[in-house]
PDB file of N, CA and C in Angstrom:
ATOM      1  N   MET A   1     210.420 -75.545 193.416  1.00  0.00           N
ATOM      2  CA  MET A   1     211.390 -74.487 194.309  1.00  0.00           C
ATOM      3  C   MET A   1     210.402 -73.370 194.091  1.00  0.00           C
ATOM      4  N   ARG A   2     210.079 -73.571 192.710  1.00  0.00           N
ATOM      5  CA  ARG A   2     209.141 -71.869 192.481  1.00  0.00           C
ATOM      6  C   ARG A   2     208.013 -71.489 194.061  1.00  0.00           C
ATOM      7  N   GLY A   3     207.039 -72.524 193.985  1.00  0.00           N
ATOM      8  CA  GLY A   3     206.199 -73.014 195.076  1.00  0.00           C
ATOM      9  C   GLY A   3     206.485 -72.052 196.287  1.00  0.00           C
ATOM     10  N   ARG A   4     208.258 -73.113 196.507  1.00  0.00           N
ATOM     11  CA  ARG A   4     208.602 -72.649 198.015  1.00  0.00           C
ATOM     12  C   ARG A   4     208.353 -71.293 198.140  1.00  0.00           C
ATOM     13  N   GLU A   5     208.942 -70.407 197.286  1.00  0.00           N
ATOM     14  CA  GLU A   5     209.475 -69.066 197.112  1.00  0.00           C
ATOM     15  C   GLU A   5     207.685 -68.077 197.243  1.00  0.00           C
ATOM     16  N   ARG A   6     206.684 -68.454 196.787  1.00  0.00           N
ATOM     17  CA  ARG A   6     206.205 -67.794 196.978  1.00  0.00           C
ATOM     18  C   ARG A   6     205.459 -68.188 198.076  1.00  0.00           C
ATOM     19  N   GLY A   7     205.594 -68.840 198.760  1.00  0.00           N
ATOM     20  CA  GLY A   7     205.066 -68.873 199.770  1.00  0.00           C
ATOM     21  C   GLY A   7     205.669 -68.315 200.866  1.00  0.00           C
ATOM     22  N   THR A   8     207.253 -68.201 200.964  1.00  0.00           N
ATOM     23  CA  THR A   8     207.484 -67.328 202.109  1.00  0.00           C
ATOM     24  C   THR A   8     207.555 -65.757 201.539  1.00  0.00           C
ATOM     25  N   ASP A   9     207.266 -65.370 200.714  1.00  0.00           N
ATOM     26  CA  ASP A   9     207.102 -64.406 200.058  1.00  0.00           C
ATOM     27  C   ASP A   9     205.192 -63.826 200.484  1.00  0.00           C
ATOM     28  N   SER A  10     204.505 -64.564 200.245  1.00  0.00           N
ATOM     29  CA  SER A  10     203.211 -64.070 201.493  1.00  0.00           C
ATOM     30  C   SER A  10     203.030 -64.204 202.746  1.00  0.00           C
ATOM     31  N   GLY A  11     204.131 -64.437 203.132  1.00  0.00           N
ATOM     32  CA  GLY A  11     204.082 -63.730 204.803  1.00  0.00           C
ATOM     33  C   GLY A  11     204.676 -62.722 205.072  1.00  0.00           C
ATOM     34  N   PHE A  12     205.643 -62.493 204.427  1.00  0.00           N
ATOM     35  CA  PHE A  12     206.178 -60.894 204.534  1.00  0.00           C
ATOM     36  C   PHE A  12     204.098 -59.671 203.965  1.00  0.00           C
ATOM     37  N   VAL A  13     203.732 -59.619 202.861  1.00  0.00           N
ATOM     38  CA  VAL A  13     202.654 -58.922 202.741  1.00  0.00           C
ATOM     39  C   VAL A  13     201.678 -59.303 203.954  1.00  0.00           C
ATOM     40  N   THR A  14     201.390 -60.360 204.176  1.00  0.00           N
ATOM     41  CA  THR A  14     200.582 -60.474 205.229  1.00  0.00           C
ATOM     42  C   THR A  14     201.345 -59.423 207.177  1.00  0.00           C
ATOM     43  N   ALA A  15     202.128 -59.968 206.743  1.00  0.00           N
ATOM     44  CA  ALA A  15     203.115 -58.995 208.174  1.00  0.00           C
ATOM     45  C   ALA A  15     203.242 -57.448 208.273  1.00  0.00           C
ATOM     46  N   GLU A  16     203.576 -56.998 206.746  1.00  0.00           N
ATOM     47  CA  GLU A  16     203.701 -55.305 206.114  1.00  0.00           C
ATOM     48  C   GLU A  16     201.691 -54.605 206.546  1.00  0.00           C
ATOM     49  N   SER A  17     200.986 -55.668 206.331  1.00  0.00           N
ATOM     50  CA  SER A  17     199.806 -55.380 205.985  1.00  0.00           C
ATOM     51  C   SER A  17     199.094 -55.553 207.689  1.00  0.00           C
ATOM     52  N   ALA A  18     199.429 -55.906 208.505  1.00  0.00           N
ATOM     53  CA  ALA A  18     199.587 -55.958 210.075  1.00  0.00           C
ATOM     54  C   ALA A  18     200.275 -54.277 210.680  1.00  0.00           C
ATOM     55  N   VAL A  19     200.731 -54.144 209.487  1.00  0.00           N
ATOM     56  CA  VAL A  19     201.719 -53.004 210.490  1.00  0.00           C
ATOM     57  C   VAL A  19     201.140 -51.846 209.990  1.00  0.00           C
ATOM     58  N   VAL A  20     200.685 -52.082 208.200  1.00  0.00           N
ATOM     59  CA  VAL A  20     200.532 -50.567 207.795  1.00  0.00           C
ATOM     60  C   VAL A  20     198.984 -50.548 208.154  1.00  0.00           C
ATOM     61  N   LEU A  21     198.478 -51.150 208.144  1.00  0.00           N
ATOM     62  CA  LEU A  21     196.819 -51.444 208.342  1.00  0.00           C
ATOM     63  C   LEU A  21     196.194 -50.878 209.764  1.00  0.00           C
ATOM     64  N   PRO A  22     196.817 -50.106 210.534  1.00  0.00           N
ATOM     65  CA  PRO A  22     196.299 -50.046 211.781  1.00  0.00           C
ATOM     66  C   PRO A  22     196.733 -48.554 211.698  1.00  0.00           C
ATOM     67  N   VAL A  23     197.659 -48.003 211.223  1.00  0.00           N
ATOM     68  CA  VAL A  23     198.694 -46.747 211.098  1.00  0.00           C
ATOM     69  C   VAL A  23     197.261 -45.910 209.715  1.00  0.00           C
ATOM     70  N   LEU A  24     197.240 -46.453 208.954  1.00  0.00           N
ATOM     71  CA  LEU A  24     196.348 -46.240 208.151  1.00  0.00           C
ATOM     72  C   LEU A  24     194.749 -45.752 208.802  1.00  0.00           C
ATOM     73  N   VAL A  25     194.257 -46.553 209.790  1.00  0.00           N
ATOM     74  CA  VAL A  25     192.980 -46.404 210.483  1.00  0.00           C
ATOM     75  C   VAL A  25     193.324 -45.141 211.269  1.00  0.00           C
ATOM     76  N   MET A  26     194.541 -45.044 212.154  1.00  0.00           N
ATOM     77  CA  MET A  26     195.099 -44.106 213.011  1.00  0.00           C
ATOM     78  C   MET A  26     194.749 -42.581 212.502  1.00  0.00           C
ATOM     79  N   PHE A  27     195.133 -42.744 210.870  1.00  0.00           N
ATOM     80  CA  PHE A  27     195.084 -41.021 210.305  1.00  0.00           C
ATOM     81  C   PHE A  27     193.947 -40.907 210.186  1.00  0.00           C
ATOM     82  N   ALA A  28     193.387 -42.131 209.802  1.00  0.00           N
ATOM     83  CA  ALA A  28     191.725 -42.004 209.111  1.00  0.00           C
ATOM     84  C   ALA A  28     190.553 -41.173 210.809  1.00  0.00           C
ATOM     85  N   MET A  29     191.110 -41.924 211.436  1.00  0.00           N
ATOM     86  CA  MET A  29     190.472 -41.743 212.625  1.00  0.00           C
ATOM     87  C   MET A  29     191.112 -39.905 213.132  1.00  0.00           C
ATOM     88  N   ALA A  30     192.280 -39.350 212.891  1.00  0.00           N
ATOM     89  CA  ALA A  30     192.975 -37.958 213.423  1.00  0.00           C
ATOM     90  C   ALA A  30     192.106 -37.192 211.711  1.00  0.00           C
ATOM     91  N   LEU A  31     192.362 -37.283 210.747  1.00  0.00           N
ATOM     92  CA  LEU A  31     191.096 -36.865 210.080  1.00  0.00           C
ATOM     93  C   LEU A  31     190.075 -36.534 210.171  1.00  0.00           C
ATOM     94  N   VAL A  32     189.053 -37.172 210.643  1.00  0.00           N
ATOM     95  CA  VAL A  32     188.125 -37.414 210.732  1.00  0.00           C
ATOM     96  C   VAL A  32     187.736 -36.389 211.909  1.00  0.00           C
ATOM     97  N   TRP A  33     188.870 -36.573 213.451  1.00  0.00           N
ATOM     98  CA  TRP A  33     188.546 -35.333 214.335  1.00  0.00           C
ATOM     99  C   TRP A  33     188.987 -34.132 214.043  1.00  0.00           C
ATOM    100  N   GLY A  34     189.972 -34.447 213.475  1.00  0.00           N
ATOM    101  CA  GLY A  34     189.956 -33.102 212.747  1.00  0.00           C
ATOM    102  C   GLY A  34     189.000 -32.139 212.113  1.00  0.00           C
ATOM    103  N   LEU A  35     188.596 -32.588 211.373  1.00  0.00           N
ATOM    104  CA  LEU A  35     187.650 -32.419 210.746  1.00  0.00           C
ATOM    105  C   LEU A  35     186.438 -31.747 211.732  1.00  0.00           C
ATOM    106  N   LEU A  36     186.015 -32.838 212.674  1.00  0.00           N
ATOM    107  CA  LEU A  36     184.957 -32.255 213.899  1.00  0.00           C
ATOM    108  C   LEU A  36     185.422 -31.118 214.504  1.00  0.00           C
ATOM    109  N   VAL A  37     186.938 -30.955 214.879  1.00  0.00           N
ATOM    110  CA  VAL A  37     187.310 -29.870 215.480  1.00  0.00           C
ATOM    111  C   VAL A  37     187.319 -28.408 214.473  1.00  0.00           C
ATOM    112  N   ILE A  38     186.841 -28.866 213.251  1.00  0.00           N
ATOM    113  CA  ILE A  38     187.300 -27.720 212.210  1.00  0.00           C
ATOM    114  C   ILE A  38     185.825 -26.741 212.523  1.00  0.00           C
ATOM    115  N   GLY A  39     184.718 -28.322 212.852  1.00  0.00           N
ATOM    116  CA  GLY A  39     183.146 -27.981 212.472  1.00  0.00           C
ATOM    117  C   GLY A  39     182.910 -27.298 213.849  1.00  0.00           C
ATOM    118  N   ALA A  40     183.240 -27.540 214.724  1.00  0.00           N
ATOM    119  CA  ALA A  40     182.929 -26.690 215.894  1.00  0.00           C
ATOM    120  C   ALA A  40     183.971 -25.362 216.363  1.00  0.00           C
ATOM    121  N   GLN A  41     184.772 -24.946 215.943  1.00  0.00           N
ATOM    122  CA  GLN A  41     185.209 -23.484 215.674  1.00  0.00           C
ATOM    123  C   GLN A  41     184.630 -22.912 215.030  1.00  0.00           C
ATOM    124  N   ILE A  42     183.918 -23.494 213.416  1.00  0.00           N
ATOM    125  CA  ILE A  42     183.112 -22.272 212.730  1.00  0.00           C
ATOM    126  C   ILE A  42     181.986 -22.205 213.355  1.00  0.00           C
ATOM    127  N   GLN A  43     181.654 -23.238 214.008  1.00  0.00           N
ATOM    128  CA  GLN A  43     180.130 -23.280 215.073  1.00  0.00           C
ATOM    129  C   GLN A  43     180.440 -21.931 215.860  1.00  0.00           C
ATOM    130  N   CYS A  44     181.287 -21.840 216.603  1.00  0.00           N
ATOM    131  CA  CYS A  44     181.401 -21.273 217.465  1.00  0.00           C
ATOM    132  C   CYS A  44     182.181 -19.470 217.360  1.00  0.00           C
ATOM    133  N   VAL A  45     182.770 -19.723 216.024  1.00  0.00           N
ATOM    134  CA  VAL A  45     182.446 -18.218 215.186  1.00  0.00           C
ATOM    135  C   VAL A  45     181.248 -17.654 214.905  1.00  0.00           C
ATOM    136  N   ASP A  46     180.718 -18.399 214.829  1.00  0.00           N
ATOM    137  CA  ASP A  46     179.189 -18.086 213.530  1.00  0.00           C
ATOM    138  C   ASP A  46     177.870 -17.551 215.570  1.00  0.00           C
ATOM    139  N   ALA A  47     178.400 -18.665 216.328  1.00  0.00           N
ATOM    140  CA  ALA A  47     177.651 -18.379 217.780  1.00  0.00           C
ATOM    141  C   ALA A  47     178.239 -16.979 218.155  1.00  0.00           C
ATOM    142  N   ALA A  48     179.472 -17.023 218.489  1.00  0.00           N
ATOM    143  CA  ALA A  48     179.644 -15.553 218.839  1.00  0.00           C
ATOM    144  C   ALA A  48     179.494 -14.144 218.462  1.00  0.00           C
ATOM    145  N   ARG A  49     178.947 -13.930 216.975  1.00  0.00           N
ATOM    146  CA  ARG A  49     179.249 -13.037 216.051  1.00  0.00           C
ATOM    147  C   ARG A  49     177.336 -12.762 216.385  1.00  0.00           C
ATOM    148  N   THR A  50     176.180 -14.288 216.306  1.00  0.00           N
ATOM    149  CA  THR A  50     175.424 -13.607 216.151  1.00  0.00           C
ATOM    150  C   THR A  50     174.895 -13.125 217.487  1.00  0.00           C
ATOM    151  N   GLY A  51     175.602 -13.760 218.917  1.00  0.00           N
ATOM    152  CA  GLY A  51     175.742 -12.895 220.295  1.00  0.00           C
ATOM    153  C   GLY A  51     175.925 -11.480 220.045  1.00  0.00           C
ATOM    154  N   ALA A  52     176.920 -11.171 219.673  1.00  0.00           N
ATOM    155  CA  ALA A  52     177.663 -10.167 219.355  1.00  0.00           C
ATOM    156  C   ALA A  52     176.123  -9.358 219.051  1.00  0.00           C
ATOM    157  N   ARG A  53     176.035  -9.507 218.045  1.00  0.00           N
ATOM    158  CA  ARG A  53     175.053  -8.794 217.241  1.00  0.00           C
ATOM    159  C   ARG A  53     173.455  -8.468 218.174  1.00  0.00           C
ATOM    160  N   VAL A  54     173.186  -9.324 219.103  1.00  0.00           N
ATOM    161  CA  VAL A  54     171.878  -9.749 219.459  1.00  0.00           C
ATOM    162  C   VAL A  54     172.023  -8.600 220.595  1.00  0.00           C
ATOM    163  N   ALA A  55     173.102  -8.946 221.101  1.00  0.00           N
ATOM    164  CA  ALA A  55     173.997  -8.050 222.286  1.00  0.00           C
ATOM    165  C   ALA A  55     174.163  -6.632 221.833  1.00  0.00           C
ATOM    166  N   ALA A  56     174.418  -6.188 221.076  1.00  0.00           N
ATOM    167  CA  ALA A  56     174.810  -4.751 220.169  1.00  0.00           C
ATOM    168  C   ALA A  56     173.087  -4.070 220.263  1.00  0.00           C
ATOM    169  N   ARG A  57     172.489  -5.253 220.119  1.00  0.00           N
ATOM    170  CA  ARG A  57     170.758  -4.477 220.475  1.00  0.00           C
ATOM    171  C   ARG A  57     170.321  -3.753 221.646  1.00  0.00           C
ATOM    172  N   GLN A  58     171.191  -4.210 222.479  1.00  0.00           N
ATOM    173  CA  GLN A  58     171.078  -4.052 223.791  1.00  0.00           C
ATOM    174  C   GLN A  58     169.709  -4.783 224.599  1.00  0.00           C
ATOM    175  N   ASP A  59     169.992  -6.222 223.920  1.00  0.00           N
ATOM    176  CA  ASP A  59     168.846  -6.891 224.319  1.00  0.00           C
ATOM    177  C   ASP A  59     169.420  -7.413 225.355  1.00  0.00           C
ATOM    178  N   PRO A  60     168.423  -8.297 226.756  1.00  0.00           N
ATOM    179  CA  PRO A  60     168.659  -8.731 228.376  1.00  0.00           C
ATOM    180  C   PRO A  60     169.838  -9.559 227.792  1.00  0.00           C
ATOM    181  N   THR A  61     171.130  -9.819 229.009  1.00  0.00           N
ATOM    182  CA  THR A  61     172.047 -10.543 228.683  1.00  0.00           C
ATOM    183  C   THR A  61     171.073 -11.816 228.324  1.00  0.00           C
ATOM    184  N   ASP A  62     170.213 -12.796 229.461  1.00  0.00           N
ATOM    185  CA  ASP A  62     169.752 -13.506 228.908  1.00  0.00           C
ATOM    186  C   ASP A  62     169.261 -13.869 227.595  1.00  0.00           C
ATOM    187  N   ALA A  63     168.817 -13.381 226.960  1.00  0.00           N
ATOM    188  CA  ALA A  63     168.194 -13.610 225.410  1.00  0.00           C
ATOM    189  C   ALA A  63     169.595 -13.843 225.054  1.00  0.00           C
ATOM    190  N   VAL A  64     171.179 -13.172 224.731  1.00  0.00           N
ATOM    191  CA  VAL A  64     171.687 -13.537 224.574  1.00  0.00           C
ATOM    192  C   VAL A  64     172.795 -14.630 224.230  1.00  0.00           C
ATOM    193  N   VAL A  65     172.332 -15.004 225.846  1.00  0.00           N
ATOM    194  CA  VAL A  65     173.309 -16.121 226.000  1.00  0.00           C
ATOM    195  C   VAL A  65     172.122 -17.448 224.938  1.00  0.00           C
ATOM    196  N   SER A  66     171.085 -17.238 225.068  1.00  0.00           N
ATOM    197  CA  SER A  66     169.829 -18.327 224.837  1.00  0.00           C
ATOM    198  C   SER A  66     170.385 -18.326 223.153  1.00  0.00           C
ATOM    199  N   VAL A  67     170.493 -17.277 222.776  1.00  0.00           N
ATOM    200  CA  VAL A  67     170.230 -17.471 220.806  1.00  0.00           C
ATOM    201  C   VAL A  67     171.898 -17.397 220.697  1.00  0.00           C
ATOM    202  N   THR A  68     172.838 -17.178 221.729  1.00  0.00           N
ATOM    203  CA  THR A  68     174.071 -17.259 221.345  1.00  0.00           C
ATOM    204  C   THR A  68     174.423 -19.538 221.092  1.00  0.00           C
ATOM    205  N   ARG A  69     173.624 -20.204 222.356  1.00  0.00           N
ATOM    206  CA  ARG A  69     173.440 -21.794 222.605  1.00  0.00           C
ATOM    207  C   ARG A  69     173.073 -22.335 221.784  1.00  0.00           C
ATOM    208  N   GLU A  70     171.794 -21.623 220.981  1.00  0.00           N
ATOM    209  CA  GLU A  70     171.633 -22.487 220.037  1.00  0.00           C
ATOM    210  C   GLU A  70     171.888 -22.620 218.623  1.00  0.00           C
ATOM    211  N   VAL A  71     172.966 -21.712 218.594  1.00  0.00           N
ATOM    212  CA  VAL A  71     173.888 -21.338 217.189  1.00  0.00           C
ATOM    213  C   VAL A  71     175.625 -22.213 217.598  1.00  0.00           C
ATOM    214  N   ALA A  72     175.742 -22.165 218.851  1.00  0.00           N
ATOM    215  CA  ALA A  72     176.868 -22.686 219.219  1.00  0.00           C
ATOM    216  C   ALA A  72     176.836 -24.353 219.188  1.00  0.00           C
ATOM    217  N   PRO A  73     177.963 -25.024 219.552  1.00  0.00           N
ATOM    218  CA  PRO A  73     177.764 -26.339 219.337  1.00  0.00           C
ATOM    219  C   PRO A  73     177.199 -26.615 221.146  1.00  0.00           C
ATOM    220  N   ARG A  74     176.938 -28.451 221.395  1.00  0.00           N
ATOM    221  CA  ARG A  74     176.434 -28.929 222.405  1.00  0.00           C
ATOM    222  C   ARG A  74     177.156 -28.323 223.160  1.00  0.00           C
ATOM    223  N   GLY A  75     176.592 -28.436 224.655  1.00  0.00           N
ATOM    224  CA  GLY A  75     177.060 -27.890 225.960  1.00  0.00           C
ATOM    225  C   GLY A  75     178.492 -26.572 226.058  1.00  0.00           C
ATOM    226  N   ALA A  76     178.312 -25.865 224.861  1.00  0.00           N
ATOM    227  CA  ALA A  76     179.527 -24.614 224.872  1.00  0.00           C
ATOM    228  C   ALA A  76     179.678 -23.401 226.098  1.00  0.00           C
ATOM    229  N   LYS A  77     179.681 -23.339 226.557  1.00  0.00           N
ATOM    230  CA  LYS A  77     180.164 -21.826 227.718  1.00  0.00           C
ATOM    231  C   LYS A  77     179.748 -20.395 227.250  1.00  0.00           C
ATOM    232  N   VAL A  78     179.107 -19.523 227.121  1.00  0.00           N
ATOM    233  CA  VAL A  78     178.531 -18.062 226.563  1.00  0.00           C
ATOM    234  C   VAL A  78     179.295 -17.025 227.893  1.00  0.00           C
ATOM    235  N   THR A  79     179.802 -16.645 227.218  1.00  0.00           N
ATOM    236  CA  THR A  79     180.010 -15.492 228.102  1.00  0.00           C
ATOM    237  C   THR A  79     179.639 -14.150 227.657  1.00  0.00           C
ATOM    238  N   VAL A  80     179.248 -12.997 228.344  1.00  0.00           N
ATOM    239  CA  VAL A  80     178.957 -11.878 227.429  1.00  0.00           C
ATOM    240  C   VAL A  80     178.946 -11.145 228.087  1.00  0.00           C
ATOM    241  N   SER A  81     179.342  -9.697 228.240  1.00  0.00           N
ATOM    242  CA  SER A  81     180.063  -8.548 228.917  1.00  0.00           C
ATOM    243  C   SER A  81     180.096  -6.827 228.142  1.00  0.00           C
ATOM    244  N   ARG A  82     180.295  -6.092 229.117  1.00  0.00           N
ATOM    245  CA  ARG A  82     180.453  -4.952 228.186  1.00  0.00           C
ATOM    246  C   ARG A  82     181.045  -3.940 228.810  1.00  0.00           C
ATOM    247  N   GLU A  83     182.315  -3.806 227.775  1.00  0.00           N
ATOM    248  CA  GLU A  83     182.919  -2.583 227.896  1.00  0.00           C
ATOM    249  C   GLU A  83     183.057  -1.262 227.294  1.00  0.00           C
ATOM    250  N   GLY A  84     182.741  -0.073 228.175  1.00  0.00           N
ATOM    251  CA  GLY A  84     182.634   1.120 227.986  1.00  0.00           C
ATOM    252  C   GLY A  84     180.994   1.084 226.298  1.00  0.00           C
ATOM    253  N   ASP A  85     181.375   0.909 225.306  1.00  0.00           N
ATOM    254  CA  ASP A  85     180.456   1.299 223.873  1.00  0.00           C
ATOM    255  C   ASP A  85     180.212  -0.291 223.543  1.00  0.00           C
ATOM    256  N   GLN A  86     181.548  -1.335 224.003  1.00  0.00           N
ATOM    257  CA  GLN A  86     181.180  -2.513 223.695  1.00  0.00           C
ATOM    258  C   GLN A  86     180.743  -4.014 223.869  1.00  0.00           C
ATOM    259  N   VAL A  87     180.124  -4.519 223.799  1.00  0.00           N
ATOM    260  CA  VAL A  87     180.126  -5.456 223.707  1.00  0.00           C
ATOM    261  C   VAL A  87     180.577  -6.968 223.354  1.00  0.00           C
ATOM    262  N   ARG A  88     180.969  -7.555 224.102  1.00  0.00           N
ATOM    263  CA  ARG A  88     182.291  -8.721 223.785  1.00  0.00           C
ATOM    264  C   ARG A  88     181.462 -10.372 224.330  1.00  0.00           C
ATOM    265  N   VAL A  89     181.164 -11.486 223.437  1.00  0.00           N
ATOM    266  CA  VAL A  89     180.186 -12.194 223.434  1.00  0.00           C
ATOM    267  C   VAL A  89     182.071 -13.485 223.226  1.00  0.00           C
ATOM    268  N   ALA A  90     182.058 -14.122 224.296  1.00  0.00           N
ATOM    269  CA  ALA A  90     183.007 -15.483 224.270  1.00  0.00           C
ATOM    270  C   ALA A  90     182.605 -16.432 224.081  1.00  0.00           C
ATOM    271  N   VAL A  91     182.638 -17.547 223.245  1.00  0.00           N
ATOM    272  CA  VAL A  91     181.973 -19.233 223.066  1.00  0.00           C
ATOM    273  C   VAL A  91     183.451 -19.871 223.798  1.00  0.00           C
ATOM    274  N   VAL A  92     183.120 -20.574 224.251  1.00  0.00           N
ATOM    275  CA  VAL A  92     184.613 -22.009 224.364  1.00  0.00           C
ATOM    276  C   VAL A  92     183.010 -23.305 224.790  1.00  0.00           C
ATOM    277  N   ALA A  93     183.666 -23.921 223.574  1.00  0.00           N
ATOM    278  CA  ALA A  93     183.215 -25.263 223.773  1.00  0.00           C
ATOM    279  C   ALA A  93     184.149 -26.586 223.222  1.00  0.00           C
ATOM    280  N   ARG A  94     183.857 -27.566 224.051  1.00  0.00           N
ATOM    281  CA  ARG A  94     185.054 -29.041 223.251  1.00  0.00           C
ATOM    282  C   ARG A  94     184.038 -29.312 222.543  1.00  0.00           C
ATOM    283  N   PRO A  95     185.386 -30.025 221.548  1.00  0.00           N
ATOM    284  CA  PRO A  95     184.912 -30.966 219.932  1.00  0.00           C
ATOM    285  C   PRO A  95     184.440 -31.818 220.774  1.00  0.00           C
ATOM    286  N   PRO A  96     183.627 -32.348 219.605  1.00  0.00           N
ATOM    287  CA  PRO A  96     183.226 -33.522 219.633  1.00  0.00           C
ATOM    288  C   PRO A  96     183.789 -34.861 219.675  1.00  0.00           C
ATOM    289  N   VAL A  97     183.580 -35.910 220.612  1.00  0.00           N
ATOM    290  CA  VAL A  97     184.359 -37.076 220.417  1.00  0.00           C
ATOM    291  C   VAL A  97     185.806 -36.843 220.637  1.00  0.00           C
ATOM    292  N   LEU A  98     185.926 -38.024 221.530  1.00  0.00           N
ATOM    293  CA  LEU A  98     186.978 -37.726 222.459  1.00  0.00           C
ATOM    294  C   LEU A  98     187.307 -36.491 223.514  1.00  0.00           C
ATOM    295  N   HIS A  99     186.483 -36.594 224.674  1.00  0.00           N
ATOM    296  CA  HIS A  99     186.245 -35.401 225.376  1.00  0.00           C
ATOM    297  C   HIS A  99     187.101 -36.038 226.532  1.00  0.00           C
ATOM    298  N   GLY A 100     188.064 -36.553 226.539  1.00  0.00           N
ATOM    299  CA  GLY A 100     188.961 -36.982 227.420  1.00  0.00           C
ATOM    300  C   GLY A 100     189.914 -36.311 227.089  1.00  0.00           C
ATOM    301  N   LEU A 101     190.215 -35.618 226.319  1.00  0.00           N
ATOM    302  CA  LEU A 101     191.486 -34.710 225.933  1.00  0.00           C
ATOM    303  C   LEU A 101     191.197 -33.273 226.355  1.00  0.00           C
ATOM    304  N   PRO A 102     192.005 -32.620 226.473  1.00  0.00           N
ATOM    305  CA  PRO A 102     192.332 -31.433 227.541  1.00  0.00           C
ATOM    306  C   PRO A 102     192.339 -29.934 226.306  1.00  0.00           C
ATOM    307  N   PHE A 103     191.317 -30.451 225.368  1.00  0.00           N
ATOM    308  CA  PHE A 103     191.276 -29.625 223.926  1.00  0.00           C
ATOM    309  C   PHE A 103     190.245 -28.656 223.751  1.00  0.00           C
ATOM    310  N   GLU A 104     189.963 -27.237 223.468  1.00  0.00           N
ATOM    311  CA  GLU A 104     189.126 -26.688 223.778  1.00  0.00           C
ATOM    312  C   GLU A 104     188.851 -25.334 222.264  1.00  0.00           C
ATOM    313  N   VAL A 105     187.951 -25.057 222.093  1.00  0.00           N
ATOM    314  CA  VAL A 105     187.790 -24.612 220.760  1.00  0.00           C
ATOM    315  C   VAL A 105     187.409 -23.233 221.511  1.00  0.00           C
ATOM    316  N   ARG A 106     187.855 -22.094 221.547  1.00  0.00           N
ATOM    317  CA  ARG A 106     187.130 -20.304 221.553  1.00  0.00           C
ATOM    318  C   ARG A 106     187.583 -19.601 220.493  1.00  0.00           C
ATOM    319  N   GLU A 107     186.303 -18.957 220.420  1.00  0.00           N
ATOM    320  CA  GLU A 107     185.809 -17.970 219.495  1.00  0.00           C
ATOM    321  C   GLU A 107     185.181 -16.807 220.289  1.00  0.00           C
ATOM    322  N   GLU A 108     185.901 -15.938 219.836  1.00  0.00           N
ATOM    323  CA  GLU A 108     184.681 -13.889 220.721  1.00  0.00           C
ATOM    324  C   GLU A 108     184.648 -12.954 219.535  1.00  0.00           C
ATOM    325  N   ALA A 109     183.830 -12.492 219.591  1.00  0.00           N
ATOM    326  CA  ALA A 109     183.497 -11.558 218.568  1.00  0.00           C
ATOM    327  C   ALA A 109     183.174  -9.977 219.711  1.00  0.00           C
ATOM    328  N   VAL A 110     183.027  -8.944 218.705  1.00  0.00           N
ATOM    329  CA  VAL A 110     183.099  -7.803 219.564  1.00  0.00           C
ATOM    330  C   VAL A 110     182.323  -6.449 218.874  1.00  0.00           C
ATOM    331  N   ALA A 111     181.284  -6.162 218.975  1.00  0.00           N
ATOM    332  CA  ALA A 111     180.742  -5.303 218.341  1.00  0.00           C
ATOM    333  C   ALA A 111     180.432  -3.721 219.373  1.00  0.00           C
ATOM    334  N   LEU A 112     179.807  -3.073 218.582  1.00  0.00           N
ATOM    335  CA  LEU A 112     179.583  -1.893 219.092  1.00  0.00           C
ATOM    336  C   LEU A 112     178.391  -1.779 219.583  1.00  0.00           C
ATOM    337  N   ALA A 113     177.935  -1.036 220.566  1.00  0.00           N
ATOM    338  CA  ALA A 113     176.284  -1.380 221.291  1.00  0.00           C
ATOM    339  C   ALA A 113     175.509  -0.185 220.613  1.00  0.00           C
ATOM    340  N   GLU A 114     174.549  -0.755 220.130  1.00  0.00           N
ATOM    341  CA  GLU A 114     173.289   0.770 219.318  1.00  0.00           C
ATOM    342  C   GLU A 114     173.015   1.200 220.518  1.00  0.00           C
ATOM    343  N   GLU A 115     172.920   2.636 220.546  1.00  0.00           N
ATOM    344  CA  GLU A 115     172.231   3.126 221.848  1.00  0.00           C
ATOM    345  C   GLU A 115     171.257   3.810 221.043  1.00  0.00           C
ATOM    346  N   THR A 116     170.153   3.868 221.674  1.00  0.00           N
ATOM    347  CA  THR A 116     169.150   4.814 221.173  1.00  0.00           C
ATOM    348  C   THR A 116     169.212   6.216 221.358  1.00  0.00           C
ATOM    349  N   VAL A 117     168.852   6.833 220.908  1.00  0.00           N
ATOM    350  CA  VAL A 117     168.808   8.408 220.675  1.00  0.00           C
ATOM    351  C   VAL A 117     167.643   8.969 220.637  1.00  0.00           C
ATOM    352  N   GLU A 118     167.036   9.659 221.833  1.00  0.00           N
ATOM    353  CA  GLU A 118     165.712  10.420 221.849  1.00  0.00           C
ATOM    354  C   GLU A 118     166.254  11.680 222.416  1.00  0.00           C
ATOM    355  N   GLY A 119     165.147  12.127 221.600  1.00  0.00           N
ATOM    356  CA  GLY A 119     164.814  14.019 221.858  1.00  0.00           C
ATOM    357  C   GLY A 119     165.750  14.624 221.056  1.00  0.00           C
ATOM    358  N   THR A 120     166.257  13.944 219.770  1.00  0.00           N
ATOM    359  CA  THR A 120     167.270  14.732 218.719  1.00  0.00           C
ATOM    360  C   THR A 120     166.176  14.973 217.658  1.00  0.00           C
ATOM    361  N   GLU A 121     165.986  16.383 217.048  1.00  0.00           N
ATOM    362  CA  GLU A 121     165.130  17.137 216.038  1.00  0.00           C
ATOM    363  C   GLU A 121     166.274  16.750 214.780  1.00  0.00           C
ATOM    364  N   ALA A 122     165.895  16.459 213.850  1.00  0.00           N
ATOM    365  CA  ALA A 122     165.990  17.047 212.207  1.00  0.00           C
ATOM    366  C   ALA A 122     166.275  18.705 211.763  1.00  0.00           C
ATOM    367  N   GLY A 123     167.427  19.301 211.453  1.00  0.00           N
ATOM    368  CA  GLY A 123     166.558  20.230 211.274  1.00  0.00           C
ATOM    369  C   GLY A 123     167.700  20.744 210.299  1.00  0.00           C
TER     370      GLY A 123
END
């Protein structure tokens, strides 16, 4: 009779594994995707700050965009604008993997423009 009880219990373990295993795989995939999103966000932060520093030095807009794209995630959109004495660089990118989701990471950095001072005398 013990042989029969063991036979019926093994079916439950198989059924439980069949339900739990896909849930664990999906959870692991969600964690990996979350880490990729965080990595893309950090790259956007670095790229926006780098671009703002370059733009603050009064470099041409093309150079600012070029330098920013080197640091930004692949395929990122870079926007450079100036408002008064401040320069603003925005970086928008889609996280890697699962490109079908309508999800973007965005970061913006603002820096004070460095104006060149001419004709001042120390005195």
